């Protein structure tokens, strides 16, 4: 017997008010999992990654190789 089948059997044996609570809990778990998935952003260059930061670097002659 699969876990889903066992779960359905147990839910069907519950009083109606507990069935509603069980459904709420399952929906909570679904939203919790959806929100916990990390969102990946792709950055092609660092120039667009940090808006407002100047990319110009002033260098002295002694800094140059």
PDB file of N, CA and C in Angstrom:
ATOM      1  N   UNK A   1       0.850  -1.171   0.000  1.00  0.00           N
ATOM      2  CA  UNK A   1       0.000   0.000   0.000  1.00  0.00           C
ATOM      3  C   UNK A   1       0.904   1.245   0.000  1.00  0.00           C
ATOM      4  N   UNK A   2       0.602   2.206  -0.876  1.00  0.00           N
ATOM      5  CA  UNK A   2       1.420   3.412  -0.952  1.00  0.00           C
ATOM      6  C   UNK A   2       1.052   4.376   0.171  1.00  0.00           C
ATOM      7  N   UNK A   3       1.912   5.328   0.401  1.00  0.00           N
ATOM      8  CA  UNK A   3       1.682   6.319   1.447  1.00  0.00           C
ATOM      9  C   UNK A   3       0.435   7.151   1.143  1.00  0.00           C
ATOM     10  N   UNK A   4       0.221   7.489  -0.119  1.00  0.00           N
ATOM     11  CA  UNK A   4      -0.949   8.287  -0.493  1.00  0.00           C
ATOM     12  C   UNK A   4      -2.244   7.519  -0.223  1.00  0.00           C
ATOM     13  N   UNK A   5      -2.240   6.221  -0.499  1.00  0.00           N
ATOM     14  CA  UNK A   5      -3.417   5.394  -0.251  1.00  0.00           C
ATOM     15  C   UNK A   5      -3.702   5.302   1.238  1.00  0.00           C
ATOM     16  N   UNK A   6      -2.659   5.097   2.029  1.00  0.00           N
ATOM     17  CA  UNK A   6      -2.828   5.029   3.478  1.00  0.00           C
ATOM     18  C   UNK A   6      -3.339   6.358   4.033  1.00  0.00           C
ATOM     19  N   UNK A   7      -2.808   7.442   3.509  1.00  0.00           N
ATOM     20  CA  UNK A   7      -3.228   8.768   3.957  1.00  0.00           C
ATOM     21  C   UNK A   7      -4.693   9.013   3.631  1.00  0.00           C
ATOM     22  N   UNK A   8      -5.112   8.667   2.435  1.00  0.00           N
ATOM     23  CA  UNK A   8      -6.517   8.846   2.043  1.00  0.00           C
ATOM     24  C   UNK A   8      -7.442   8.015   2.927  1.00  0.00           C
ATOM     25  N   UNK A   9      -7.034   6.807   3.239  1.00  0.00           N
ATOM     26  CA  UNK A   9      -7.835   5.945   4.101  1.00  0.00           C
ATOM     27  C   UNK A   9      -8.021   6.574   5.483  1.00  0.00           C
ATOM     28  N   UNK A  10      -6.942   7.105   6.028  1.00  0.00           N
ATOM     29  CA  UNK A  10      -7.002   7.740   7.338  1.00  0.00           C
ATOM     30  C   UNK A  10      -7.838   9.020   7.305  1.00  0.00           C
ATOM     31  N   UNK A  11      -7.714   9.787   6.251  1.00  0.00           N
ATOM     32  CA  UNK A  11      -8.483  11.031   6.133  1.00  0.00           C
ATOM     33  C   UNK A  11      -9.973  10.726   6.029  1.00  0.00           C
ATOM     34  N   UNK A  12     -10.333   9.696   5.271  1.00  0.00           N
ATOM     35  CA  UNK A  12     -11.741   9.332   5.124  1.00  0.00           C
ATOM     36  C   UNK A  12     -12.364   8.887   6.447  1.00  0.00           C
ATOM     37  N   UNK A  13     -11.554   8.393   7.376  1.00  0.00           N
ATOM     38  CA  UNK A  13     -12.066   7.934   8.663  1.00  0.00           C
ATOM     39  C   UNK A  13     -12.220   9.080   9.672  1.00  0.00           C
ATOM     40  N   UNK A  14     -11.705  10.263   9.336  1.00  0.00           N
ATOM     41  CA  UNK A  14     -11.764  11.398  10.255  1.00  0.00           C
ATOM     42  C   UNK A  14     -13.134  12.080  10.238  1.00  0.00           C
ATOM     43  N   UNK A  15     -13.497  12.738  11.337  1.00  0.00           N
ATOM     44  CA  UNK A  15     -14.695  13.586  11.324  1.00  0.00           C
ATOM     45  C   UNK A  15     -14.489  14.760  10.356  1.00  0.00           C
ATOM     46  N   UNK A  16     -15.573  15.318   9.857  1.00  0.00           N
ATOM     47  CA  UNK A  16     -15.515  16.355   8.822  1.00  0.00           C
ATOM     48  C   UNK A  16     -14.662  17.559   9.226  1.00  0.00           C
ATOM     49  N   UNK A  17     -14.725  17.976  10.475  1.00  0.00           N
ATOM     50  CA  UNK A  17     -13.945  19.153  10.900  1.00  0.00           C
ATOM     51  C   UNK A  17     -12.442  18.891  10.829  1.00  0.00           C
ATOM     52  N   UNK A  18     -12.036  17.646  11.107  1.00  0.00           N
ATOM     53  CA  UNK A  18     -10.621  17.310  11.009  1.00  0.00           C
ATOM     54  C   UNK A  18     -10.171  17.171   9.559  1.00  0.00           C
ATOM     55  N   UNK A  19     -11.090  16.794   8.697  1.00  0.00           N
ATOM     56  CA  UNK A  19     -10.760  16.702   7.267  1.00  0.00           C
ATOM     57  C   UNK A  19     -10.422  18.096   6.748  1.00  0.00           C
ATOM     58  N   UNK A  20     -11.210  19.091   7.162  1.00  0.00           N
ATOM     59  CA  UNK A  20     -10.950  20.469   6.739  1.00  0.00           C
ATOM     60  C   UNK A  20      -9.597  20.948   7.273  1.00  0.00           C
ATOM     61  N   UNK A  21      -9.279  20.622   8.514  1.00  0.00           N
ATOM     62  CA  UNK A  21      -7.983  21.001   9.084  1.00  0.00           C
ATOM     63  C   UNK A  21      -6.842  20.312   8.356  1.00  0.00           C
ATOM     64  N   UNK A  22      -7.050  19.065   7.986  1.00  0.00           N
ATOM     65  CA  UNK A  22      -6.025  18.317   7.259  1.00  0.00           C
ATOM     66  C   UNK A  22      -5.775  18.951   5.898  1.00  0.00           C
ATOM     67  N   UNK A  23      -6.840  19.352   5.230  1.00  0.00           N
ATOM     68  CA  UNK A  23      -6.704  20.016   3.934  1.00  0.00           C
ATOM     69  C   UNK A  23      -5.953  21.335   4.086  1.00  0.00           C
ATOM     70  N   UNK A  24      -6.286  22.093   5.115  1.00  0.00           N
ATOM     71  CA  UNK A  24      -5.567  23.342   5.367  1.00  0.00           C
ATOM     72  C   UNK A  24      -4.076  23.084   5.569  1.00  0.00           C
ATOM     73  N   UNK A  25      -3.759  22.033   6.305  1.00  0.00           N
ATOM     74  CA  UNK A  25      -2.361  21.705   6.571  1.00  0.00           C
ATOM     75  C   UNK A  25      -1.634  21.306   5.287  1.00  0.00           C
ATOM     76  N   UNK A  26      -2.293  20.529   4.450  1.00  0.00           N
ATOM     77  CA  UNK A  26      -1.675  20.114   3.183  1.00  0.00           C
ATOM     78  C   UNK A  26      -1.424  21.331   2.299  1.00  0.00           C
ATOM     79  N   UNK A  27      -2.377  22.250   2.248  1.00  0.00           N
ATOM     80  CA  UNK A  27      -2.190  23.467   1.456  1.00  0.00           C
ATOM     81  C   UNK A  27      -1.065  24.327   2.034  1.00  0.00           C
ATOM     82  N   UNK A  28      -0.959  24.376   3.366  1.00  0.00           N
ATOM     83  CA  UNK A  28       0.135  25.092   4.011  1.00  0.00           C
ATOM     84  C   UNK A  28       1.482  24.491   3.606  1.00  0.00           C
ATOM     85  N   UNK A  29       1.575  23.171   3.621  1.00  0.00           N
ATOM     86  CA  UNK A  29       2.832  22.522   3.239  1.00  0.00           C
ATOM     87  C   UNK A  29       3.204  22.831   1.797  1.00  0.00           C
ATOM     88  N   UNK A  30       2.207  22.869   0.927  1.00  0.00           N
ATOM     89  CA  UNK A  30       2.470  23.161  -0.484  1.00  0.00           C
ATOM     90  C   UNK A  30       3.021  24.574  -0.643  1.00  0.00           C
ATOM     91  N   UNK A  31       2.410  25.560   0.031  1.00  0.00           N
ATOM     92  CA  UNK A  31       2.890  26.936  -0.096  1.00  0.00           C
ATOM     93  C   UNK A  31       4.241  27.109   0.579  1.00  0.00           C
ATOM     94  N   UNK A  32       4.481  26.396   1.663  1.00  0.00           N
ATOM     95  CA  UNK A  32       5.765  26.475   2.347  1.00  0.00           C
ATOM     96  C   UNK A  32       6.872  25.963   1.444  1.00  0.00           C
ATOM     97  N   UNK A  33       6.622  24.903   0.746  1.00  0.00           N
ATOM     98  CA  UNK A  33       7.632  24.333  -0.148  1.00  0.00           C
ATOM     99  C   UNK A  33       7.876  25.251  -1.343  1.00  0.00           C
ATOM    100  N   UNK A  34       6.806  25.838  -1.867  1.00  0.00           N
ATOM    101  CA  UNK A  34       6.949  26.727  -3.023  1.00  0.00           C
ATOM    102  C   UNK A  34       7.753  27.970  -2.661  1.00  0.00           C
ATOM    103  N   UNK A  35       7.602  28.462  -1.442  1.00  0.00           N
ATOM    104  CA  UNK A  35       8.316  29.658  -1.024  1.00  0.00           C
ATOM    105  C   UNK A  35       9.752  29.374  -0.628  1.00  0.00           C
ATOM    106  N   UNK A  36      10.058  28.147  -0.296  1.00  0.00           N
ATOM    107  CA  UNK A  36      11.411  27.835   0.158  1.00  0.00           C
ATOM    108  C   UNK A  36      12.365  27.519  -0.985  1.00  0.00           C
ATOM    109  N   UNK A  37      11.851  27.377  -2.170  1.00  0.00           N
ATOM    110  CA  UNK A  37      12.713  27.087  -3.304  1.00  0.00           C
ATOM    111  C   UNK A  37      13.523  28.343  -3.648  1.00  0.00           C
ATOM    112  N   UNK A  38      14.848  28.247  -3.685  1.00  0.00           N
ATOM    113  CA  UNK A  38      15.651  29.439  -3.987  1.00  0.00           C
ATOM    114  C   UNK A  38      15.464  29.867  -5.433  1.00  0.00           C
ATOM    115  N   UNK A  39      15.370  31.161  -5.614  1.00  0.00           N
ATOM    116  CA  UNK A  39      15.223  31.700  -6.965  1.00  0.00           C
ATOM    117  C   UNK A  39      16.601  32.048  -7.478  1.00  0.00           C
ATOM    118  N   UNK A  40      16.928  31.528  -8.626  1.00  0.00           N
ATOM    119  CA  UNK A  40      18.232  31.776  -9.214  1.00  0.00           C
ATOM    120  C   UNK A  40      18.119  32.902 -10.232  1.00  0.00           C
ATOM    121  N   UNK A  41      19.008  33.852 -10.124  1.00  0.00           N
ATOM    122  CA  UNK A  41      19.070  34.917 -11.108  1.00  0.00           C
ATOM    123  C   UNK A  41      20.367  34.758 -11.880  1.00  0.00           C
ATOM    124  N   UNK A  42      20.287  35.003 -13.137  1.00  0.00           N
ATOM    125  CA  UNK A  42      21.464  34.883 -13.982  1.00  0.00           C
ATOM    126  C   UNK A  42      21.997  36.275 -14.273  1.00  0.00           C
ATOM    127  N   UNK A  43      23.248  36.480 -13.973  1.00  0.00           N
ATOM    128  CA  UNK A  43      23.899  37.753 -14.227  1.00  0.00           C
ATOM    129  C   UNK A  43      24.956  37.512 -15.293  1.00  0.00           C
ATOM    130  N   UNK A  44      24.811  38.223 -16.412  1.00  0.00           N
ATOM    131  CA  UNK A  44      25.773  38.043 -17.493  1.00  0.00           C
ATOM    132  C   UNK A  44      27.030  38.873 -17.278  1.00  0.00           C
ATOM    133  N   UNK A  45      26.872  40.031 -16.639  1.00  0.00           N
ATOM    134  CA  UNK A  45      28.040  40.838 -16.332  1.00  0.00           C
ATOM    135  C   UNK A  45      27.803  41.550 -15.012  1.00  0.00           C
ATOM    136  N   UNK A  46      28.869  41.930 -14.368  1.00  0.00           N
ATOM    137  CA  UNK A  46      28.754  42.606 -13.086  1.00  0.00           C
ATOM    138  C   UNK A  46      28.310  44.053 -13.244  1.00  0.00           C
ATOM    139  N   UNK A  47      28.374  44.613 -14.450  1.00  0.00           N
ATOM    140  CA  UNK A  47      28.013  46.009 -14.641  1.00  0.00           C
ATOM    141  C   UNK A  47      26.530  46.245 -14.397  1.00  0.00           C
ATOM    142  N   UNK A  48      25.685  45.256 -14.649  1.00  0.00           N
ATOM    143  CA  UNK A  48      24.264  45.406 -14.403  1.00  0.00           C
ATOM    144  C   UNK A  48      23.824  44.857 -13.062  1.00  0.00           C
ATOM    145  N   UNK A  49      24.732  44.216 -12.347  1.00  0.00           N
ATOM    146  CA  UNK A  49      24.360  43.574 -11.093  1.00  0.00           C
ATOM    147  C   UNK A  49      24.236  44.560  -9.943  1.00  0.00           C
ATOM    148  N   UNK A  50      25.013  45.617  -9.966  1.00  0.00           N
ATOM    149  CA  UNK A  50      25.003  46.587  -8.878  1.00  0.00           C
ATOM    150  C   UNK A  50      24.705  47.985  -9.427  1.00  0.00           C
ATOM    151  N   UNK A  51      23.441  48.294  -9.641  1.00  0.00           N
ATOM    152  CA  UNK A  51      23.120  49.623 -10.179  1.00  0.00           C
ATOM    153  C   UNK A  51      23.499  50.710  -9.172  1.00  0.00           C
ATOM    154  N   UNK A  52      23.982  51.819  -9.678  1.00  0.00           N
ATOM    155  CA  UNK A  52      24.348  52.924  -8.812  1.00  0.00           C
ATOM    156  C   UNK A  52      25.795  52.900  -8.373  1.00  0.00           C
ATOM    157  N   UNK A  53      26.494  51.816  -8.650  1.00  0.00           N
ATOM    158  CA  UNK A  53      27.905  51.734  -8.272  1.00  0.00           C
ATOM    159  C   UNK A  53      28.740  52.048  -9.510  1.00  0.00           C
ATOM    160  N   UNK A  54      29.621  53.004  -9.357  1.00  0.00           N
ATOM    161  CA  UNK A  54      30.476  53.396 -10.470  1.00  0.00           C
ATOM    162  C   UNK A  54      31.473  52.281 -10.773  1.00  0.00           C
ATOM    163  N   UNK A  55      31.656  52.018 -12.043  1.00  0.00           N
ATOM    164  CA  UNK A  55      32.615  50.981 -12.430  1.00  0.00           C
ATOM    165  C   UNK A  55      33.977  51.591 -12.773  1.00  0.00           C
ATOM    166  N   UNK A  56      34.053  52.912 -12.719  1.00  0.00           N
ATOM    167  CA  UNK A  56      35.316  53.584 -13.011  1.00  0.00           C
ATOM    168  C   UNK A  56      36.209  53.509 -11.786  1.00  0.00           C
ATOM    169  N   UNK A  57      37.452  53.092 -11.982  1.00  0.00           N
ATOM    170  CA  UNK A  57      38.426  53.011 -10.889  1.00  0.00           C
ATOM    171  C   UNK A  57      39.606  53.879 -11.257  1.00  0.00           C
ATOM    172  N   UNK A  58      39.884  54.859 -10.399  1.00  0.00           N
ATOM    173  CA  UNK A  58      41.017  55.743 -10.635  1.00  0.00           C
ATOM    174  C   UNK A  58      42.270  55.067 -10.096  1.00  0.00           C
ATOM    175  N   UNK A  59      43.288  54.960 -10.947  1.00  0.00           N
ATOM    176  CA  UNK A  59      44.509  54.263 -10.534  1.00  0.00           C
ATOM    177  C   UNK A  59      45.703  55.207 -10.690  1.00  0.00           C
ATOM    178  N   UNK A  60      46.608  55.067  -9.769  1.00  0.00           N
ATOM    179  CA  UNK A  60      47.852  55.826  -9.832  1.00  0.00           C
ATOM    180  C   UNK A  60      48.840  55.093 -10.722  1.00  0.00           C
ATOM    181  N   UNK A  61      49.887  55.833 -11.128  1.00  0.00           N
ATOM    182  CA  UNK A  61      50.909  55.218 -11.974  1.00  0.00           C
ATOM    183  C   UNK A  61      51.597  54.052 -11.274  1.00  0.00           C
ATOM    184  N   UNK A  62      51.779  54.155  -9.958  1.00  0.00           N
ATOM    185  CA  UNK A  62      52.472  53.087  -9.242  1.00  0.00           C
ATOM    186  C   UNK A  62      51.619  51.826  -9.113  1.00  0.00           C
ATOM    187  N   UNK A  63      50.294  51.929  -9.332  1.00  0.00           N
ATOM    188  CA  UNK A  63      49.432  50.757  -9.301  1.00  0.00           C
ATOM    189  C   UNK A  63      49.535  49.922 -10.563  1.00  0.00           C
ATOM    190  N   UNK A  64      49.987  50.550 -11.620  1.00  0.00           N
ATOM    191  CA  UNK A  64      50.025  49.843 -12.909  1.00  0.00           C
ATOM    192  C   UNK A  64      51.215  48.903 -12.965  1.00  0.00           C
ATOM    193  N   UNK A  65      51.053  47.835 -13.636  1.00  0.00           N
ATOM    194  CA  UNK A  65      52.116  46.837 -13.742  1.00  0.00           C
ATOM    195  C   UNK A  65      52.879  47.029 -15.014  1.00  0.00           C
TER     196      UNK A  65
END
